[in-house]
C-alpha cells in the first residue's frame, strides 16, 4: 500500500507550498468572489420569490402563471445542473 511506503526506513518526503498570487491580490479576488456570490444570490432569490408570488396569486392571468412556472423550471434546472456538475 501507499501508506506502507511512508513508514519505510530511509524514505523522507519534503515539500513547500506557496500561493501563486500575492496576499493582496488574493484578498481582492476573494472580495470580488464574495461580492459576486451575494449579488447573484440576491438576483436569484428575487426571481424565485417573484415567480412564486405570480404562480400562487389568484388574481393573475394564466399567461403569468405559465411564465412563472417556466421561469421556476429554468431556475431549478440550472441550480440542479450546477449542483451535480453536468
N, C-alpha and C. Protein backbone atom coordinates (compact mmCIF):
# COMPACT_ATOMS: atom_id res chain seq x y z
N UNK A 1 0.82 -1.19 0.00
CA UNK A 1 0.00 0.00 0.00
C UNK A 1 0.87 1.25 0.00
N UNK A 2 0.26 2.35 -0.35
CA UNK A 2 0.99 3.61 -0.40
C UNK A 2 1.38 4.07 1.00
N UNK A 3 0.54 3.78 1.99
CA UNK A 3 0.87 4.22 3.35
C UNK A 3 2.06 3.44 3.91
N UNK A 4 2.30 2.21 3.43
CA UNK A 4 3.47 1.47 3.88
C UNK A 4 4.75 2.12 3.41
N UNK A 5 4.73 2.75 2.25
CA UNK A 5 5.93 3.41 1.73
C UNK A 5 6.29 4.62 2.56
N UNK A 6 5.32 5.23 3.19
CA UNK A 6 5.60 6.40 4.02
C UNK A 6 6.34 6.02 5.30
N UNK A 7 6.20 4.80 5.75
CA UNK A 7 6.83 4.37 7.00
C UNK A 7 8.10 3.55 6.77
N UNK A 8 8.54 3.44 5.54
CA UNK A 8 9.75 2.68 5.25
C UNK A 8 10.98 3.44 5.75
N UNK A 9 11.96 2.70 6.29
CA UNK A 9 13.17 3.38 6.77
C UNK A 9 13.96 3.95 5.58
N UNK A 10 14.50 5.11 5.78
CA UNK A 10 15.31 5.74 4.75
C UNK A 10 14.52 6.55 3.74
N UNK A 11 13.22 6.55 3.86
CA UNK A 11 12.39 7.32 2.93
C UNK A 11 11.96 8.60 3.61
N UNK A 12 12.28 9.71 2.99
CA UNK A 12 11.87 11.00 3.54
C UNK A 12 11.17 11.80 2.45
N UNK A 13 10.20 12.53 2.86
CA UNK A 13 9.46 13.39 1.95
C UNK A 13 9.56 14.82 2.46
N UNK A 14 9.74 15.73 1.55
CA UNK A 14 9.73 17.13 1.94
C UNK A 14 9.14 17.94 0.80
N UNK A 15 8.56 19.06 1.13
CA UNK A 15 7.97 19.92 0.10
C UNK A 15 7.56 21.24 0.71
N UNK A 16 7.45 22.20 -0.14
CA UNK A 16 6.99 23.51 0.28
C UNK A 16 5.80 23.91 -0.58
N UNK A 17 4.90 24.59 0.04
CA UNK A 17 3.73 25.06 -0.66
C UNK A 17 3.68 26.58 -0.55
N UNK A 18 3.44 27.21 -1.65
CA UNK A 18 3.30 28.66 -1.63
C UNK A 18 2.17 29.07 -2.57
N UNK A 19 1.54 30.16 -2.24
CA UNK A 19 0.43 30.66 -3.04
C UNK A 19 0.99 31.28 -4.33
N UNK A 20 0.34 31.02 -5.45
CA UNK A 20 0.84 31.58 -6.71
C UNK A 20 0.55 33.07 -6.87
N UNK A 21 -0.24 33.65 -5.97
CA UNK A 21 -0.55 35.07 -6.08
C UNK A 21 -0.19 35.78 -4.78
N UNK A 22 0.14 37.05 -4.87
CA UNK A 22 0.47 37.81 -3.66
C UNK A 22 -0.75 37.91 -2.73
N UNK A 23 -0.52 38.05 -1.44
CA UNK A 23 -1.64 38.12 -0.48
C UNK A 23 -2.63 39.25 -0.78
N UNK A 24 -2.14 40.39 -1.24
CA UNK A 24 -3.05 41.50 -1.55
C UNK A 24 -3.97 41.14 -2.71
N UNK A 25 -3.43 40.50 -3.75
CA UNK A 25 -4.24 40.08 -4.88
C UNK A 25 -5.25 39.00 -4.48
N UNK A 26 -4.84 38.11 -3.59
CA UNK A 26 -5.75 37.06 -3.13
C UNK A 26 -6.90 37.67 -2.34
N UNK A 27 -6.63 38.68 -1.53
CA UNK A 27 -7.68 39.32 -0.76
C UNK A 27 -8.66 40.04 -1.69
N UNK A 28 -8.17 40.72 -2.70
CA UNK A 28 -9.04 41.40 -3.66
C UNK A 28 -9.88 40.39 -4.43
N UNK A 29 -9.28 39.26 -4.83
CA UNK A 29 -10.02 38.23 -5.57
C UNK A 29 -11.12 37.63 -4.70
N UNK A 30 -10.81 37.36 -3.43
CA UNK A 30 -11.83 36.82 -2.52
C UNK A 30 -12.97 37.81 -2.31
N UNK A 31 -12.64 39.10 -2.19
CA UNK A 31 -13.67 40.13 -2.02
C UNK A 31 -14.58 40.18 -3.24
N UNK A 32 -13.99 40.13 -4.43
CA UNK A 32 -14.80 40.14 -5.65
C UNK A 32 -15.65 38.87 -5.76
N UNK A 33 -15.10 37.72 -5.39
CA UNK A 33 -15.86 36.46 -5.45
C UNK A 33 -17.05 36.48 -4.49
N UNK A 34 -16.83 36.97 -3.28
CA UNK A 34 -17.92 37.05 -2.30
C UNK A 34 -18.97 38.05 -2.76
N UNK A 35 -18.54 39.17 -3.30
CA UNK A 35 -19.48 40.18 -3.81
C UNK A 35 -20.32 39.63 -4.96
N UNK A 36 -19.69 38.92 -5.87
CA UNK A 36 -20.42 38.31 -6.98
C UNK A 36 -21.42 37.27 -6.49
N UNK A 37 -21.01 36.48 -5.50
CA UNK A 37 -21.90 35.47 -4.92
C UNK A 37 -23.11 36.12 -4.27
N UNK A 38 -22.91 37.19 -3.51
CA UNK A 38 -24.01 37.86 -2.83
C UNK A 38 -24.97 38.48 -3.84
N UNK A 39 -24.45 39.16 -4.84
CA UNK A 39 -25.31 39.81 -5.83
C UNK A 39 -26.09 38.77 -6.63
N UNK A 40 -25.42 37.71 -7.07
CA UNK A 40 -26.13 36.68 -7.85
C UNK A 40 -27.15 35.94 -6.98
N UNK A 41 -26.86 35.74 -5.71
CA UNK A 41 -27.84 35.10 -4.82
C UNK A 41 -29.06 35.99 -4.62
N UNK A 42 -28.85 37.29 -4.48
CA UNK A 42 -29.98 38.21 -4.34
C UNK A 42 -30.84 38.22 -5.60
N UNK A 43 -30.22 38.23 -6.75
CA UNK A 43 -30.97 38.21 -8.00
C UNK A 43 -31.76 36.91 -8.13
N UNK A 44 -31.13 35.80 -7.82
CA UNK A 44 -31.80 34.51 -7.91
C UNK A 44 -32.97 34.42 -6.93
N UNK A 45 -32.77 34.85 -5.70
CA UNK A 45 -33.85 34.80 -4.71
C UNK A 45 -34.99 35.74 -5.09
N UNK A 46 -34.67 36.90 -5.65
CA UNK A 46 -35.71 37.82 -6.10
C UNK A 46 -36.52 37.22 -7.23
N UNK A 47 -35.83 36.61 -8.19
CA UNK A 47 -36.52 35.99 -9.32
C UNK A 47 -37.41 34.84 -8.87
N UNK A 48 -36.91 34.00 -7.98
CA UNK A 48 -37.69 32.88 -7.48
C UNK A 48 -38.87 33.39 -6.65
N UNK A 49 -38.65 34.37 -5.81
CA UNK A 49 -39.73 34.92 -5.00
C UNK A 49 -40.83 35.55 -5.84
N UNK A 50 -40.45 36.32 -6.85
CA UNK A 50 -41.45 36.94 -7.72
C UNK A 50 -42.20 35.89 -8.52
N UNK A 51 -41.50 34.88 -8.99
CA UNK A 51 -42.15 33.81 -9.74
C UNK A 51 -43.12 33.03 -8.87
N UNK A 52 -42.74 32.74 -7.64
CA UNK A 52 -43.65 32.05 -6.72
C UNK A 52 -44.87 32.91 -6.40
N UNK A 53 -44.66 34.21 -6.23
CA UNK A 53 -45.78 35.11 -5.98
C UNK A 53 -46.74 35.10 -7.17
N UNK A 54 -46.21 35.18 -8.37
CA UNK A 54 -47.05 35.19 -9.56
C UNK A 54 -47.76 33.85 -9.74
N UNK A 55 -47.07 32.78 -9.39
CA UNK A 55 -47.65 31.45 -9.56
C UNK A 55 -48.77 31.19 -8.55
N UNK A 56 -48.59 31.66 -7.34
CA UNK A 56 -49.56 31.38 -6.28
C UNK A 56 -50.67 32.42 -6.17
N UNK A 57 -50.52 33.56 -6.84
CA UNK A 57 -51.53 34.61 -6.77
C UNK A 57 -52.76 34.19 -7.56
N UNK A 58 -53.92 34.43 -6.99
CA UNK A 58 -55.16 34.04 -7.66
C UNK A 58 -55.67 35.12 -8.61
N UNK A 59 -55.16 36.35 -8.50
CA UNK A 59 -55.67 37.44 -9.32
C UNK A 59 -54.83 37.69 -10.57
N UNK A 60 -53.96 36.79 -10.94
CA UNK A 60 -53.13 36.97 -12.13
C UNK A 60 -53.66 36.12 -13.28
N UNK A 61 -53.29 36.50 -14.47
CA UNK A 61 -53.75 35.80 -15.67
C UNK A 61 -53.01 34.48 -15.85
N UNK A 62 -53.58 33.64 -16.70
CA UNK A 62 -52.95 32.34 -16.96
C UNK A 62 -51.59 32.49 -17.63
N UNK A 63 -51.42 33.53 -18.45
CA UNK A 63 -50.12 33.76 -19.08
C UNK A 63 -49.04 34.01 -18.04
N UNK A 64 -49.39 34.72 -16.98
CA UNK A 64 -48.42 34.97 -15.90
C UNK A 64 -48.07 33.68 -15.17
N UNK A 65 -49.05 32.80 -15.00
CA UNK A 65 -48.79 31.52 -14.36
C UNK A 65 -47.83 30.68 -15.21
N UNK A 66 -48.05 30.68 -16.52
CA UNK A 66 -47.17 29.92 -17.41
C UNK A 66 -45.76 30.51 -17.41
N UNK A 67 -45.66 31.83 -17.41
CA UNK A 67 -44.35 32.48 -17.38
C UNK A 67 -43.62 32.15 -16.09
N UNK A 68 -44.34 32.22 -14.97
CA UNK A 68 -43.72 31.94 -13.67
C UNK A 68 -43.29 30.49 -13.57
N UNK A 69 -44.12 29.58 -14.05
CA UNK A 69 -43.77 28.16 -13.99
C UNK A 69 -42.57 27.86 -14.88
N UNK A 70 -42.52 28.47 -16.05
CA UNK A 70 -41.38 28.29 -16.95
C UNK A 70 -40.09 28.85 -16.33
N UNK A 71 -40.20 29.99 -15.70
CA UNK A 71 -39.04 30.60 -15.06
C UNK A 71 -38.54 29.75 -13.90
N UNK A 72 -39.46 29.27 -13.07
CA UNK A 72 -39.06 28.41 -11.95
C UNK A 72 -38.42 27.11 -12.43
N UNK A 73 -38.97 26.54 -13.49
CA UNK A 73 -38.38 25.31 -14.04
C UNK A 73 -36.97 25.56 -14.53
N UNK A 74 -36.77 26.67 -15.21
CA UNK A 74 -35.43 27.01 -15.71
C UNK A 74 -34.45 27.25 -14.56
N UNK A 75 -34.89 27.98 -13.55
CA UNK A 75 -34.01 28.28 -12.41
C UNK A 75 -33.63 27.01 -11.66
N UNK A 76 -34.62 26.18 -11.36
CA UNK A 76 -34.32 24.96 -10.62
C UNK A 76 -33.50 23.98 -11.45
N UNK A 77 -33.73 23.95 -12.76
CA UNK A 77 -32.89 23.12 -13.62
C UNK A 77 -31.45 23.60 -13.64
N UNK A 78 -31.26 24.93 -13.66
CA UNK A 78 -29.91 25.48 -13.62
C UNK A 78 -29.21 25.22 -12.31
N UNK A 79 -29.94 25.38 -11.22
CA UNK A 79 -29.34 25.12 -9.89
C UNK A 79 -29.00 23.64 -9.74
N UNK A 80 -29.88 22.78 -10.19
CA UNK A 80 -29.61 21.34 -10.12
C UNK A 80 -28.41 20.97 -10.97
N UNK A 81 -28.33 21.53 -12.16
CA UNK A 81 -27.17 21.28 -13.02
C UNK A 81 -25.89 21.78 -12.41
N UNK A 82 -25.94 22.92 -11.73
CA UNK A 82 -24.76 23.47 -11.07
C UNK A 82 -24.34 22.58 -9.90
N UNK A 83 -25.33 22.03 -9.18
CA UNK A 83 -25.02 21.20 -8.02
C UNK A 83 -24.40 19.86 -8.42
N UNK A 84 -24.90 19.23 -9.48
CA UNK A 84 -24.38 17.92 -9.86
C UNK A 84 -23.31 18.00 -10.94
N UNK A 85 -22.99 19.21 -11.38
CA UNK A 85 -21.88 19.47 -12.32
C UNK A 85 -22.02 18.71 -13.63
N UNK A 86 -23.21 18.74 -14.21
CA UNK A 86 -23.40 18.12 -15.54
C UNK A 86 -23.97 19.11 -16.50
